[in-house]
């Protein structure tokens, strides 16, 4: 499966990224299929080959969340941005815990209803 990812380049404390199409399980600094452009996070500038990005997404390449947001921002893809650094709300975490604890008493009750054969001593 192919993925569209960032490949970090640049010196220490001066990051810049190449946008590449690569096999999902390959190492990021290994051989890649195609170079789609670049991004400089310090200035916010980016240059992307939009037609090629659309092509790779159409044939099944999966962009990472950050790449997806960049493609939406640059107009290569349509849709909503994906929240990358969103923390779950405390209510959601508590609700998930309540569901797990609600299921536990039912399992205990079911286990108690199961008849157990008495042991015979020889």
C-alpha atoms as a PDB file:
ATOM      1  CA  UNK A   1       0.000   0.000   0.000  1.00  0.00           C
ATOM      2  CA  UNK A   2       1.289   3.458  -0.875  1.00  0.00           C
ATOM      3  CA  UNK A   3       1.355   6.455   1.449  1.00  0.00           C
ATOM      4  CA  UNK A   4       2.042  10.155   1.008  1.00  0.00           C
ATOM      5  CA  UNK A   5       4.377  11.312   3.771  1.00  0.00           C
ATOM      6  CA  UNK A   6       6.768  14.044   4.876  1.00  0.00           C
ATOM      7  CA  UNK A   7      10.497  13.347   4.575  1.00  0.00           C
ATOM      8  CA  UNK A   8      12.506  15.644   6.832  1.00  0.00           C
ATOM      9  CA  UNK A   9      15.439  17.453   5.281  1.00  0.00           C
ATOM     10  CA  UNK A  10      17.455  20.478   6.315  1.00  0.00           C
ATOM     11  CA  UNK A  11      19.964  21.222   9.020  1.00  0.00           C
ATOM     12  CA  UNK A  12      19.557  20.955  12.757  1.00  0.00           C
ATOM     13  CA  UNK A  13      16.914  23.444  13.979  1.00  0.00           C
ATOM     14  CA  UNK A  14      16.170  24.408  10.348  1.00  0.00           C
ATOM     15  CA  UNK A  15      13.597  21.841   9.236  1.00  0.00           C
ATOM     16  CA  UNK A  16      12.166  21.544   5.777  1.00  0.00           C
ATOM     17  CA  UNK A  17      10.185  18.656   4.385  1.00  0.00           C
ATOM     18  CA  UNK A  18       9.878  16.865   1.069  1.00  0.00           C
ATOM     19  CA  UNK A  19       6.434  15.455   0.251  1.00  0.00           C
ATOM     20  CA  UNK A  20       6.916  11.965  -1.142  1.00  0.00           C
ATOM     21  CA  UNK A  21       4.935   8.928  -2.236  1.00  0.00           C
ATOM     22  CA  UNK A  22       6.409   5.817  -0.632  1.00  0.00           C
ATOM     23  CA  UNK A  23       5.464   2.242   0.191  1.00  0.00           C
ATOM     24  CA  UNK A  24       3.808   2.428   3.603  1.00  0.00           C
ATOM     25  CA  UNK A  25       6.153  -0.047   5.322  1.00  0.00           C
ATOM     26  CA  UNK A  26       9.401   1.277   3.838  1.00  0.00           C
ATOM     27  CA  UNK A  27      11.771   3.429   5.832  1.00  0.00           C
ATOM     28  CA  UNK A  28      11.221   7.125   5.211  1.00  0.00           C
ATOM     29  CA  UNK A  29      14.820   7.661   4.043  1.00  0.00           C
ATOM     30  CA  UNK A  30      14.713   4.686   1.680  1.00  0.00           C
ATOM     31  CA  UNK A  31      13.698   4.573  -1.946  1.00  0.00           C
ATOM     32  CA  UNK A  32      10.477   6.446  -2.732  1.00  0.00           C
ATOM     33  CA  UNK A  33       8.140   6.335  -5.718  1.00  0.00           C
ATOM     34  CA  UNK A  34       7.711  10.039  -6.482  1.00  0.00           C
ATOM     35  CA  UNK A  35       8.560  13.467  -5.066  1.00  0.00           C
ATOM     36  CA  UNK A  36       5.472  15.701  -4.958  1.00  0.00           C
ATOM     37  CA  UNK A  37       6.935  18.925  -3.575  1.00  0.00           C
ATOM     38  CA  UNK A  38       8.243  20.590  -0.430  1.00  0.00           C
ATOM     39  CA  UNK A  39       7.166  22.497   2.682  1.00  0.00           C
ATOM     40  CA  UNK A  40       8.978  24.942   4.950  1.00  0.00           C
ATOM     41  CA  UNK A  41       7.250  24.939   8.366  1.00  0.00           C
ATOM     42  CA  UNK A  42       9.061  28.053   9.624  1.00  0.00           C
ATOM     43  CA  UNK A  43       7.665  30.281   6.869  1.00  0.00           C
ATOM     44  CA  UNK A  44       4.558  28.196   6.132  1.00  0.00           C
ATOM     45  CA  UNK A  45       5.365  28.102   2.423  1.00  0.00           C
ATOM     46  CA  UNK A  46       4.761  24.987   0.403  1.00  0.00           C
ATOM     47  CA  UNK A  47       4.891  23.952  -3.220  1.00  0.00           C
ATOM     48  CA  UNK A  48       2.993  20.858  -4.321  1.00  0.00           C
ATOM     49  CA  UNK A  49       2.377  19.220  -7.687  1.00  0.00           C
ATOM     50  CA  UNK A  50      -1.408  19.250  -7.241  1.00  0.00           C
ATOM     51  CA  UNK A  51      -2.261  17.138 -10.286  1.00  0.00           C
ATOM     52  CA  UNK A  52       0.154  14.383  -9.244  1.00  0.00           C
ATOM     53  CA  UNK A  53      -1.146  14.465  -5.647  1.00  0.00           C
ATOM     54  CA  UNK A  54      -4.725  14.080  -6.928  1.00  0.00           C
ATOM     55  CA  UNK A  55      -3.600  11.197  -9.125  1.00  0.00           C
ATOM     56  CA  UNK A  56      -1.894   9.309  -6.293  1.00  0.00           C
ATOM     57  CA  UNK A  57      -4.883   9.756  -3.968  1.00  0.00           C
ATOM     58  CA  UNK A  58      -7.191   8.543  -6.761  1.00  0.00           C
ATOM     59  CA  UNK A  59      -5.178   5.328  -7.216  1.00  0.00           C
ATOM     60  CA  UNK A  60      -5.268   4.580  -3.479  1.00  0.00           C
ATOM     61  CA  UNK A  61      -2.285   6.292  -1.817  1.00  0.00           C
ATOM     62  CA  UNK A  62      -3.171   7.201   1.773  1.00  0.00           C
ATOM     63  CA  UNK A  63      -1.976  10.664   2.884  1.00  0.00           C
ATOM     64  CA  UNK A  64      -1.008  11.099   6.531  1.00  0.00           C
ATOM     65  CA  UNK A  65      -3.219  13.452   8.558  1.00  0.00           C
ATOM     66  CA  UNK A  66      -0.737  16.331   8.263  1.00  0.00           C
ATOM     67  CA  UNK A  67      -0.335  15.801   4.515  1.00  0.00           C
ATOM     68  CA  UNK A  68      -4.135  15.626   4.126  1.00  0.00           C
ATOM     69  CA  UNK A  69      -4.478  18.981   5.906  1.00  0.00           C
ATOM     70  CA  UNK A  70      -1.739  20.492   3.718  1.00  0.00           C
ATOM     71  CA  UNK A  71      -3.406  19.223   0.533  1.00  0.00           C
ATOM     72  CA  UNK A  72      -6.751  20.673   1.658  1.00  0.00           C
ATOM     73  CA  UNK A  73      -5.078  24.008   2.476  1.00  0.00           C
ATOM     74  CA  UNK A  74      -3.347  24.148  -0.913  1.00  0.00           C
ATOM     75  CA  UNK A  75      -6.528  23.166  -2.776  1.00  0.00           C
ATOM     76  CA  UNK A  76      -5.344  19.800  -4.081  1.00  0.00           C
ATOM     77  CA  UNK A  77      -8.044  17.924  -2.111  1.00  0.00           C
ATOM     78  CA  UNK A  78     -11.557  18.860  -1.102  1.00  0.00           C
ATOM     79  CA  UNK A  79     -12.960  18.172   2.325  1.00  0.00           C
ATOM     80  CA  UNK A  80     -12.442  18.972   5.972  1.00  0.00           C
ATOM     81  CA  UNK A  81      -9.138  19.149   7.765  1.00  0.00           C
ATOM     82  CA  UNK A  82      -8.382  16.386  10.274  1.00  0.00           C
ATOM     83  CA  UNK A  83      -7.637  17.481  13.862  1.00  0.00           C
ATOM     84  CA  UNK A  84      -4.088  16.214  14.396  1.00  0.00           C
ATOM     85  CA  UNK A  85      -3.360  17.296  17.976  1.00  0.00           C
ATOM     86  CA  UNK A  86      -6.868  17.162  19.410  1.00  0.00           C
ATOM     87  CA  UNK A  87      -7.116  15.821  22.944  1.00  0.00           C
ATOM     88  CA  UNK A  88     -10.197  13.803  23.931  1.00  0.00           C
ATOM     89  CA  UNK A  89     -12.622  15.531  26.284  1.00  0.00           C
ATOM     90  CA  UNK A  90     -12.827  14.280  29.867  1.00  0.00           C
ATOM     91  CA  UNK A  91     -16.521  13.466  29.427  1.00  0.00           C
ATOM     92  CA  UNK A  92     -15.721  11.111  26.527  1.00  0.00           C
ATOM     93  CA  UNK A  93     -13.065   9.304  28.568  1.00  0.00           C
ATOM     94  CA  UNK A  94     -15.443   8.934  31.525  1.00  0.00           C
ATOM     95  CA  UNK A  95     -18.202   7.663  29.227  1.00  0.00           C
ATOM     96  CA  UNK A  96     -15.905   4.995  27.792  1.00  0.00           C
ATOM     97  CA  UNK A  97     -14.990   3.876  31.315  1.00  0.00           C
ATOM     98  CA  UNK A  98     -18.665   3.743  32.315  1.00  0.00           C
ATOM     99  CA  UNK A  99     -19.462   1.454  29.393  1.00  0.00           C
ATOM    100  CA  UNK A 100     -16.737  -0.970  30.452  1.00  0.00           C
ATOM    101  CA  UNK A 101     -17.898  -1.019  34.090  1.00  0.00           C
ATOM    102  CA  UNK A 102     -21.555  -1.435  33.050  1.00  0.00           C
ATOM    103  CA  UNK A 103     -20.653  -4.523  31.040  1.00  0.00           C
ATOM    104  CA  UNK A 104     -18.709  -6.122  33.915  1.00  0.00           C
ATOM    105  CA  UNK A 105     -21.714  -6.799  36.268  1.00  0.00           C
ATOM    106  CA  UNK A 106     -23.619  -8.452  33.417  1.00  0.00           C
ATOM    107  CA  UNK A 107     -20.700 -10.822  32.818  1.00  0.00           C
ATOM    108  CA  UNK A 108     -20.516 -11.665  36.524  1.00  0.00           C
ATOM    109  CA  UNK A 109     -24.272 -12.362  36.665  1.00  0.00           C
ATOM    110  CA  UNK A 110     -24.041 -14.598  33.615  1.00  0.00           C
ATOM    111  CA  UNK A 111     -21.136 -16.508  35.160  1.00  0.00           C
ATOM    112  CA  UNK A 112     -23.116 -17.030  38.376  1.00  0.00           C
ATOM    113  CA  UNK A 113     -26.117 -18.469  36.476  1.00  0.00           C
ATOM    114  CA  UNK A 114     -24.016 -21.178  34.877  1.00  0.00           C
ATOM    115  CA  UNK A 115     -24.485 -24.413  36.853  1.00  0.00           C
ATOM    116  CA  UNK A 116     -21.307 -26.010  38.088  1.00  0.00           C
ATOM    117  CA  UNK A 117     -21.112 -29.789  38.311  1.00  0.00           C
ATOM    118  CA  UNK A 118     -20.261 -30.971  41.864  1.00  0.00           C
ATOM    119  CA  UNK A 119     -16.915 -32.657  42.218  1.00  0.00           C
ATOM    120  CA  UNK A 120     -16.993 -36.345  43.046  1.00  0.00           C
ATOM    121  CA  UNK A 121     -14.478 -37.747  45.475  1.00  0.00           C
ATOM    122  CA  UNK A 122     -13.096 -41.189  44.861  1.00  0.00           C
END
